[in-house]
Each structure stands twice: as structure tokens, then as C-alpha cells.
Protein backbone atom coordinates (compact mmCIF):
# COMPACT_ATOMS: atom_id res chain seq x y z
CA MET A 1 99.62 -112.58 168.26
CA LEU A 2 99.73 -109.22 166.51
CA HIS A 3 99.33 -106.19 168.77
CA ILE A 4 98.31 -102.96 167.04
CA VAL A 5 98.81 -99.63 168.81
CA ASN A 6 97.66 -96.32 167.32
CA LYS A 7 98.17 -93.73 170.08
CA SER A 8 101.37 -91.92 171.04
CA HIS A 9 103.13 -93.17 174.15
CA ALA A 10 103.11 -89.56 175.32
CA GLU A 11 99.33 -89.31 174.98
CA THR A 12 98.00 -92.56 176.51
CA SER A 13 99.22 -95.60 178.38
CA SER A 14 98.06 -98.01 175.65
CA LEU A 15 101.58 -98.82 174.47
CA GLN A 16 102.85 -99.44 178.01
CA SER A 17 99.87 -101.73 178.72
CA CYS A 18 100.51 -103.60 175.49
CA LEU A 19 104.20 -104.05 176.23
CA ARG A 20 103.47 -105.24 179.76
CA LEU A 21 101.05 -107.93 178.54
CA ALA A 22 102.53 -108.96 175.17
CA LYS A 23 104.16 -112.37 175.22
CA ALA A 24 107.62 -113.03 173.80
CA GLY A 25 107.47 -113.89 170.13
CA SER A 26 104.47 -111.64 169.46
CA ALA A 27 104.49 -108.89 166.87
CA LEU A 28 103.76 -105.22 167.49
CA LEU A 29 102.54 -102.89 164.75
CA LEU A 30 102.67 -99.16 165.45
CA ILE A 31 100.27 -97.06 163.40
CA GLU A 32 99.11 -93.43 163.37
CA ASP A 33 100.70 -91.42 166.24
CA ALA A 34 102.14 -94.58 167.86
CA VAL A 35 104.94 -94.49 165.25
CA TYR A 36 106.64 -91.77 167.33
CA ALA A 37 107.56 -94.50 169.84
CA ALA A 38 109.68 -96.22 167.17
CA THR A 39 111.87 -93.21 166.45
CA VAL A 40 115.40 -92.82 167.73
CA ALA A 41 114.17 -90.03 170.02
CA GLY A 42 111.23 -92.01 171.37
CA ALA A 43 112.38 -95.61 171.57
CA ALA A 44 113.99 -95.56 175.00
CA GLY A 45 111.29 -93.57 176.75
CA SER A 46 108.44 -95.47 175.15
CA GLY A 47 109.79 -98.92 176.04
CA ILE A 48 110.24 -100.00 172.42
CA ALA A 49 114.00 -100.35 172.78
CA ASP A 50 113.56 -103.00 175.49
CA ALA A 51 110.55 -104.59 173.81
CA MET A 52 112.54 -105.31 170.65
CA LYS A 53 114.48 -107.91 172.62
CA THR A 54 111.38 -110.19 172.71
CA LEU A 55 108.94 -108.73 170.17
CA LYS A 56 109.11 -108.09 166.44
CA VAL A 57 108.26 -104.41 165.99
CA TYR A 58 106.78 -102.88 162.83
CA ALA A 59 105.74 -99.31 161.95
CA LEU A 60 103.32 -98.35 159.22
CA GLN A 61 105.44 -96.48 156.66
CA PRO A 62 102.73 -94.10 155.36
CA ASP A 63 102.13 -92.94 158.96
CA VAL A 64 105.86 -92.55 159.54
CA GLU A 65 106.15 -90.39 156.42
CA ALA A 66 103.01 -88.38 157.20
CA ARG A 67 104.55 -87.36 160.52
CA GLY A 68 107.95 -86.40 159.07
CA MET A 69 109.69 -89.32 160.75
CA ALA A 70 111.08 -91.01 157.63
CA GLY A 71 114.68 -92.05 158.23
CA LYS A 72 114.27 -91.64 162.00
CA LEU A 73 113.16 -95.14 162.99
CA VAL A 74 115.35 -96.93 165.49
CA ASP A 75 117.34 -99.88 164.11
CA GLY A 76 115.38 -103.08 164.39
CA VAL A 77 111.95 -101.61 163.62
CA THR A 78 110.61 -102.80 160.28
CA ALA A 79 108.61 -100.33 158.20
CA VAL A 80 105.66 -101.86 156.31
CA ASP A 81 103.24 -100.47 153.76
CA TYR A 82 99.51 -101.18 153.69
CA ALA A 83 100.06 -104.50 151.91
CA GLY A 84 102.54 -105.41 154.67
CA PHE A 85 99.88 -104.50 157.25
CA VAL A 86 97.46 -106.92 155.58
CA ASP A 87 100.17 -109.60 155.47
CA LEU A 88 100.81 -109.20 159.20
CA VAL A 89 97.11 -109.55 159.99
CA ALA A 90 96.87 -112.65 157.78
CA GLU A 91 100.04 -114.14 159.33
CA HIS A 92 98.75 -113.66 162.88
CA PRO A 93 95.26 -115.13 163.34
CA ASN A 94 94.93 -113.39 166.71
CA ASN A 95 95.03 -109.60 166.72
CA GLN A 96 94.63 -107.12 169.57
CA SER A 97 94.07 -103.40 168.96
CA TRP A 98 95.10 -101.18 171.85
CA LEU A 99 92.94 -98.06 171.86
């Protein structure tokens, strides 16, 4: 399953709910303000650092760049462009957006 989160971990509990319910082997795509959770500064507090042990974590590169976070993603998070976003959706027939 592909989980898609778009809100900052500091703004809502969507990411924490997602991480609590996501099964090992799932993929997580962080978009919009959720990309802050994948930064070196945000990974520990957001739960991403622990989640990367069982989930494959991606961040949408255009959103990372738009927020001035380029080069600040924690090791292990894969940046993807819009084509990569489409590939992830196609690869995972089940998708869950966390609003």
C-alpha cells in the first residue's frame, strides 16, 4: 500500500496516525508541507526516523524545493519527481491519502 501524507507533522496528527497504522513493507509518500517530516531536523520528532526501519519513505522533490529543504532530507528518504509520484501510484494498487 502507498500512504500519502500532505500535512506537516507539527500541524496535524495525520502523519502519526498513518505511521501507527501502516504495515511493514508499505510505502509512504510525503507531499506538500509533510516533506518537513523528512528533513534532518524533523525526522526524529515526526517519527520518520523510526518508520524508515519498516517503510520505504519518499518525498516529492518539487515540494521539497519549494519549501527550501533541498539537500536537507534525512538519509534513506528517496526524493521523487511528479513522474515518480505517478510510478508509485501505479506500483501500489492500494493508496491511502491522509488528510
